[in-house]
Amino acid sequence: MLPNEQFSGKGRARHICKTCKRLPVEERDAIEQMDELYGYLAQSHISKKNVKRLQLLSESQNPKIATHASIVLDVARVKPYKKHRLKYLAKNHPEILRNLNDTGLRMAHGY
C-alpha cells in the first residue's frame, strides 16, 4: 500500500491512517490525548484554556493519561512559560522535574 493510500476515505482530515482507524476508540483517544499532553509541554506558553483542558484530562478514566496530565498541570501552574522552565523546576521544584523524568515527559520539552 502506498503512503498516500493509507489516508484515503474517512479520517483524512484528522490525519488518521487506516491501521490506526482500526484500533478501538479508547486506544485511539488515548494516543491522541498523549500527543496533546506532549504538545502542551512543547508550547512556549501554556494558556488558561490549556490549564482547563489539563484539569479535564487529569480526571480521565485512563490512569496513564490522568497521571501524565496531572504532572503537566503542575508544570503549567508553576511555570507556564517555556523559557528557562527546566532550570526553574530544577532549582525550585525538583519533585516536579523528577516526575517529568520518570514519566518520560521531559523529552517532550525538547531538551
N, C-alpha and C. Protein backbone atom coordinates (compact mmCIF):
# COMPACT_ATOMS: atom_id res chain seq x y z
N MET A 1 0.85 -1.17 0.00
CA MET A 1 0.00 0.00 0.00
C MET A 1 0.90 1.24 0.00
N LEU A 2 0.62 2.16 -0.87
CA LEU A 2 1.39 3.39 -0.96
C LEU A 2 1.03 4.32 0.19
N PRO A 3 1.97 5.20 0.58
CA PRO A 3 1.68 6.11 1.69
C PRO A 3 0.43 6.96 1.50
N ASN A 4 0.19 7.42 0.27
CA ASN A 4 -0.98 8.26 0.06
C ASN A 4 -2.29 7.46 0.12
N GLU A 5 -2.21 6.15 -0.04
CA GLU A 5 -3.40 5.32 0.04
C GLU A 5 -3.80 5.02 1.49
N GLN A 6 -2.89 5.24 2.42
CA GLN A 6 -3.18 4.97 3.82
C GLN A 6 -4.11 6.02 4.42
N PHE A 7 -4.22 7.17 3.79
CA PHE A 7 -5.02 8.25 4.35
C PHE A 7 -6.24 8.58 3.50
N SER A 8 -6.73 7.64 2.72
CA SER A 8 -7.90 7.91 1.90
C SER A 8 -9.16 7.57 2.69
N GLY A 9 -10.26 8.17 2.32
CA GLY A 9 -11.53 7.88 2.97
C GLY A 9 -11.75 8.72 4.20
N LYS A 10 -12.58 8.22 5.11
CA LYS A 10 -12.92 8.96 6.33
C LYS A 10 -11.70 9.04 7.24
N GLY A 11 -11.60 10.14 7.96
CA GLY A 11 -10.48 10.35 8.85
C GLY A 11 -9.32 11.05 8.20
N ARG A 12 -9.44 11.37 6.91
CA ARG A 12 -8.35 12.01 6.19
C ARG A 12 -8.09 13.41 6.75
N ALA A 13 -9.14 14.13 7.08
CA ALA A 13 -8.97 15.49 7.59
C ALA A 13 -8.28 15.49 8.96
N ARG A 14 -8.49 14.44 9.73
CA ARG A 14 -7.87 14.35 11.06
C ARG A 14 -6.52 13.65 11.00
N HIS A 15 -6.08 13.24 9.81
CA HIS A 15 -4.80 12.57 9.59
C HIS A 15 -4.71 11.25 10.35
N ILE A 16 -5.72 10.43 10.20
CA ILE A 16 -5.74 9.11 10.82
C ILE A 16 -5.58 8.08 9.71
N CYS A 17 -4.53 7.26 9.80
CA CYS A 17 -4.31 6.25 8.76
C CYS A 17 -5.28 5.08 8.96
N LYS A 18 -5.32 4.21 7.99
CA LYS A 18 -6.27 3.09 8.03
C LYS A 18 -5.97 2.12 9.17
N THR A 19 -4.69 1.90 9.47
CA THR A 19 -4.36 0.96 10.55
C THR A 19 -4.76 1.54 11.91
N CYS A 20 -4.57 2.83 12.09
CA CYS A 20 -4.97 3.46 13.35
C CYS A 20 -6.48 3.54 13.46
N LYS A 21 -7.15 3.69 12.33
CA LYS A 21 -8.61 3.76 12.33
C LYS A 21 -9.22 2.44 12.80
N ARG A 22 -8.50 1.35 12.61
CA ARG A 22 -8.99 0.03 13.04
C ARG A 22 -8.85 -0.19 14.55
N LEU A 23 -8.06 0.64 15.21
CA LEU A 23 -7.87 0.50 16.65
C LEU A 23 -9.18 0.81 17.38
N PRO A 24 -9.35 0.28 18.59
CA PRO A 24 -10.52 0.64 19.39
C PRO A 24 -10.52 2.15 19.69
N VAL A 25 -11.70 2.70 19.85
CA VAL A 25 -11.85 4.14 20.05
C VAL A 25 -11.10 4.59 21.30
N GLU A 26 -11.15 3.81 22.38
CA GLU A 26 -10.48 4.19 23.62
C GLU A 26 -8.97 4.28 23.42
N GLU A 27 -8.43 3.32 22.69
CA GLU A 27 -6.98 3.31 22.45
C GLU A 27 -6.57 4.47 21.55
N ARG A 28 -7.39 4.75 20.55
CA ARG A 28 -7.10 5.86 19.64
C ARG A 28 -7.19 7.19 20.38
N ASP A 29 -8.19 7.34 21.27
CA ASP A 29 -8.32 8.56 22.06
C ASP A 29 -7.14 8.72 23.00
N ALA A 30 -6.66 7.62 23.58
CA ALA A 30 -5.51 7.69 24.48
C ALA A 30 -4.27 8.16 23.74
N ILE A 31 -4.07 7.69 22.53
CA ILE A 31 -2.92 8.12 21.73
C ILE A 31 -3.02 9.61 21.43
N GLU A 32 -4.21 10.06 21.04
CA GLU A 32 -4.40 11.47 20.72
C GLU A 32 -4.22 12.35 21.95
N GLN A 33 -4.69 11.88 23.11
CA GLN A 33 -4.54 12.66 24.34
C GLN A 33 -3.09 12.72 24.79
N MET A 34 -2.33 11.64 24.61
CA MET A 34 -0.91 11.69 24.94
C MET A 34 -0.18 12.67 24.02
N ASP A 35 -0.52 12.67 22.74
CA ASP A 35 0.06 13.65 21.82
C ASP A 35 -0.27 15.07 22.25
N GLU A 36 -1.49 15.25 22.73
CA GLU A 36 -1.92 16.56 23.21
C GLU A 36 -1.09 17.00 24.41
N LEU A 37 -0.82 16.08 25.33
CA LEU A 37 -0.02 16.40 26.51
C LEU A 37 1.41 16.76 26.13
N TYR A 38 2.00 16.01 25.20
CA TYR A 38 3.34 16.34 24.73
C TYR A 38 3.35 17.70 24.05
N GLY A 39 2.27 18.02 23.36
CA GLY A 39 2.17 19.31 22.69
C GLY A 39 2.12 20.47 23.66
N TYR A 40 1.46 20.29 24.80
CA TYR A 40 1.41 21.36 25.79
C TYR A 40 2.80 21.70 26.32
N LEU A 41 3.63 20.69 26.53
CA LEU A 41 4.98 20.96 27.03
C LEU A 41 5.86 21.60 25.96
N ALA A 42 5.56 21.37 24.71
CA ALA A 42 6.35 21.96 23.63
C ALA A 42 5.97 23.40 23.35
N GLN A 43 4.80 23.83 23.81
CA GLN A 43 4.35 25.20 23.58
C GLN A 43 5.20 26.18 24.37
N SER A 44 5.29 27.40 23.85
CA SER A 44 6.05 28.43 24.57
C SER A 44 5.26 28.96 25.77
N HIS A 45 3.95 28.82 25.75
CA HIS A 45 3.11 29.28 26.86
C HIS A 45 1.90 28.35 26.98
N ILE A 46 1.68 27.86 28.18
CA ILE A 46 0.51 27.03 28.46
C ILE A 46 -0.58 27.97 28.97
N SER A 47 -1.60 28.18 28.17
CA SER A 47 -2.62 29.19 28.48
C SER A 47 -3.61 28.69 29.53
N LYS A 48 -4.47 29.61 29.98
CA LYS A 48 -5.51 29.26 30.95
C LYS A 48 -6.49 28.25 30.36
N LYS A 49 -6.75 28.40 29.08
CA LYS A 49 -7.63 27.46 28.39
C LYS A 49 -7.01 26.06 28.37
N ASN A 50 -5.69 26.00 28.17
CA ASN A 50 -4.97 24.72 28.21
C ASN A 50 -5.01 24.13 29.61
N VAL A 51 -4.92 24.98 30.64
CA VAL A 51 -4.97 24.51 32.02
C VAL A 51 -6.32 23.87 32.32
N LYS A 52 -7.40 24.48 31.81
CA LYS A 52 -8.73 23.89 32.00
C LYS A 52 -8.81 22.52 31.32
N ARG A 53 -8.24 22.42 30.14
CA ARG A 53 -8.23 21.13 29.42
C ARG A 53 -7.40 20.11 30.19
N LEU A 54 -6.28 20.54 30.77
CA LEU A 54 -5.44 19.63 31.56
C LEU A 54 -6.17 19.14 32.80
N GLN A 55 -6.97 20.01 33.42
CA GLN A 55 -7.76 19.58 34.57
C GLN A 55 -8.75 18.50 34.16
N LEU A 56 -9.35 18.68 32.99
CA LEU A 56 -10.28 17.68 32.47
C LEU A 56 -9.57 16.36 32.19
N LEU A 57 -8.38 16.44 31.59
CA LEU A 57 -7.62 15.23 31.28
C LEU A 57 -7.11 14.54 32.54
N SER A 58 -6.84 15.30 33.60
CA SER A 58 -6.34 14.69 34.83
C SER A 58 -7.42 13.88 35.54
N GLU A 59 -8.68 14.06 35.14
CA GLU A 59 -9.78 13.27 35.69
C GLU A 59 -10.17 12.12 34.75
N SER A 60 -9.30 11.80 33.82
CA SER A 60 -9.57 10.77 32.82
C SER A 60 -9.71 9.40 33.45
N GLN A 61 -10.45 8.53 32.78
CA GLN A 61 -10.61 7.15 33.23
C GLN A 61 -9.34 6.34 33.04
N ASN A 62 -8.54 6.74 32.06
CA ASN A 62 -7.27 6.08 31.78
C ASN A 62 -6.24 6.57 32.80
N PRO A 63 -5.70 5.69 33.65
CA PRO A 63 -4.78 6.14 34.70
C PRO A 63 -3.49 6.76 34.16
N LYS A 64 -3.00 6.28 33.04
CA LYS A 64 -1.77 6.83 32.46
C LYS A 64 -2.01 8.27 32.00
N ILE A 65 -3.13 8.51 31.34
CA ILE A 65 -3.47 9.86 30.89
C ILE A 65 -3.65 10.77 32.10
N ALA A 66 -4.33 10.27 33.14
CA ALA A 66 -4.60 11.08 34.32
C ALA A 66 -3.31 11.48 35.03
N THR A 67 -2.37 10.55 35.20
CA THR A 67 -1.12 10.89 35.89
C THR A 67 -0.27 11.84 35.06
N HIS A 68 -0.17 11.59 33.76
CA HIS A 68 0.62 12.48 32.91
C HIS A 68 0.00 13.88 32.87
N ALA A 69 -1.32 13.95 32.80
CA ALA A 69 -1.99 15.25 32.75
C ALA A 69 -1.80 16.01 34.05
N SER A 70 -1.82 15.31 35.18
CA SER A 70 -1.62 16.00 36.46
C SER A 70 -0.20 16.53 36.58
N ILE A 71 0.77 15.83 36.03
CA ILE A 71 2.15 16.32 36.04
C ILE A 71 2.29 17.56 35.17
N VAL A 72 1.71 17.52 33.97
CA VAL A 72 1.76 18.68 33.08
C VAL A 72 0.99 19.84 33.69
N LEU A 73 -0.09 19.55 34.40
CA LEU A 73 -0.86 20.58 35.08
C LEU A 73 -0.03 21.24 36.18
N ASP A 74 0.74 20.45 36.93
CA ASP A 74 1.64 21.01 37.94
C ASP A 74 2.66 21.94 37.29
N VAL A 75 3.21 21.52 36.17
CA VAL A 75 4.18 22.36 35.46
C VAL A 75 3.52 23.65 35.00
N ALA A 76 2.30 23.56 34.47
CA ALA A 76 1.60 24.74 33.97
C ALA A 76 1.28 25.72 35.09
N ARG A 77 0.98 25.22 36.26
CA ARG A 77 0.67 26.11 37.38
C ARG A 77 1.92 26.79 37.92
N VAL A 78 3.03 26.08 37.90
CA VAL A 78 4.27 26.63 38.47
C VAL A 78 4.99 27.53 37.48
N LYS A 79 5.15 27.09 36.25
CA LYS A 79 5.92 27.84 35.24
C LYS A 79 5.27 27.65 33.87
N PRO A 80 4.24 28.47 33.55
CA PRO A 80 3.54 28.29 32.27
C PRO A 80 4.37 28.67 31.05
N TYR A 81 5.35 29.55 31.23
CA TYR A 81 6.18 29.95 30.09
C TYR A 81 7.37 29.01 29.96
N LYS A 82 7.77 28.71 28.74
CA LYS A 82 8.78 27.69 28.49
C LYS A 82 10.20 28.17 28.77
N LYS A 83 10.45 29.46 28.64
CA LYS A 83 11.82 29.96 28.78
C LYS A 83 12.36 29.65 30.18
N HIS A 84 13.45 28.94 30.22
CA HIS A 84 14.14 28.53 31.47
C HIS A 84 13.25 27.68 32.37
N ARG A 85 12.28 26.99 31.80
CA ARG A 85 11.34 26.20 32.60
C ARG A 85 12.04 25.07 33.35
N LEU A 86 12.89 24.32 32.66
CA LEU A 86 13.56 23.19 33.31
C LEU A 86 14.54 23.65 34.39
N LYS A 87 15.23 24.74 34.12
CA LYS A 87 16.16 25.28 35.12
C LYS A 87 15.39 25.73 36.36
N TYR A 88 14.26 26.39 36.14
CA TYR A 88 13.42 26.85 37.25
C TYR A 88 12.89 25.67 38.06
N LEU A 89 12.43 24.64 37.36
CA LEU A 89 11.91 23.47 38.06
C LEU A 89 13.01 22.75 38.84
N ALA A 90 14.20 22.67 38.26
CA ALA A 90 15.31 22.02 38.95
C ALA A 90 15.69 22.76 40.22
N LYS A 91 15.61 24.07 40.16
CA LYS A 91 16.02 24.89 41.30
C LYS A 91 14.93 24.98 42.37
N ASN A 92 13.69 25.18 41.96
CA ASN A 92 12.62 25.46 42.91
C ASN A 92 11.64 24.32 43.15
N HIS A 93 11.49 23.42 42.18
CA HIS A 93 10.52 22.32 42.30
C HIS A 93 11.13 21.03 41.75
N PRO A 94 12.13 20.48 42.43
CA PRO A 94 12.80 19.28 41.91
C PRO A 94 11.88 18.06 41.84
N GLU A 95 10.83 18.02 42.67
CA GLU A 95 9.92 16.87 42.64
C GLU A 95 9.12 16.84 41.33
N ILE A 96 8.76 18.00 40.81
CA ILE A 96 8.04 18.05 39.53
C ILE A 96 8.98 17.62 38.40
N LEU A 97 10.22 18.09 38.45
CA LEU A 97 11.19 17.70 37.43
C LEU A 97 11.47 16.20 37.49
N ARG A 98 11.51 15.64 38.69
CA ARG A 98 11.71 14.21 38.86
C ARG A 98 10.54 13.44 38.24
N ASN A 99 9.33 13.94 38.45
CA ASN A 99 8.15 13.30 37.85
C ASN A 99 8.20 13.38 36.33
N LEU A 100 8.66 14.51 35.79
CA LEU A 100 8.81 14.65 34.34
C LEU A 100 9.80 13.63 33.81
N ASN A 101 10.90 13.45 34.52
CA ASN A 101 11.92 12.48 34.09
C ASN A 101 11.40 11.05 34.19
N ASP A 102 10.72 10.73 35.28
CA ASP A 102 10.24 9.36 35.50
C ASP A 102 9.21 8.93 34.46
N THR A 103 8.38 9.87 34.02
CA THR A 103 7.32 9.53 33.06
C THR A 103 7.76 9.69 31.61
N GLY A 104 8.92 10.28 31.39
CA GLY A 104 9.39 10.49 30.02
C GLY A 104 8.86 11.76 29.39
N LEU A 105 8.16 12.57 30.15
CA LEU A 105 7.61 13.82 29.61
C LEU A 105 8.67 14.88 29.39
N ARG A 106 9.81 14.73 30.04
CA ARG A 106 10.87 15.73 29.85
C ARG A 106 11.35 15.74 28.41
N MET A 107 11.34 14.59 27.76
CA MET A 107 11.77 14.53 26.36
C MET A 107 10.83 15.33 25.47
N ALA A 108 9.58 15.48 25.88
CA ALA A 108 8.62 16.27 25.10
C ALA A 108 8.95 17.74 25.17
N HIS A 109 9.70 18.11 26.19
CA HIS A 109 10.05 19.51 26.38
C HIS A 109 11.04 19.98 25.33
N GLY A 110 11.78 19.06 24.76
CA GLY A 110 12.72 19.41 23.71
C GLY A 110 14.16 19.45 24.17
N TYR A 111 14.43 19.04 25.41
CA TYR A 111 15.80 19.04 25.92
C TYR A 111 16.22 17.63 26.23
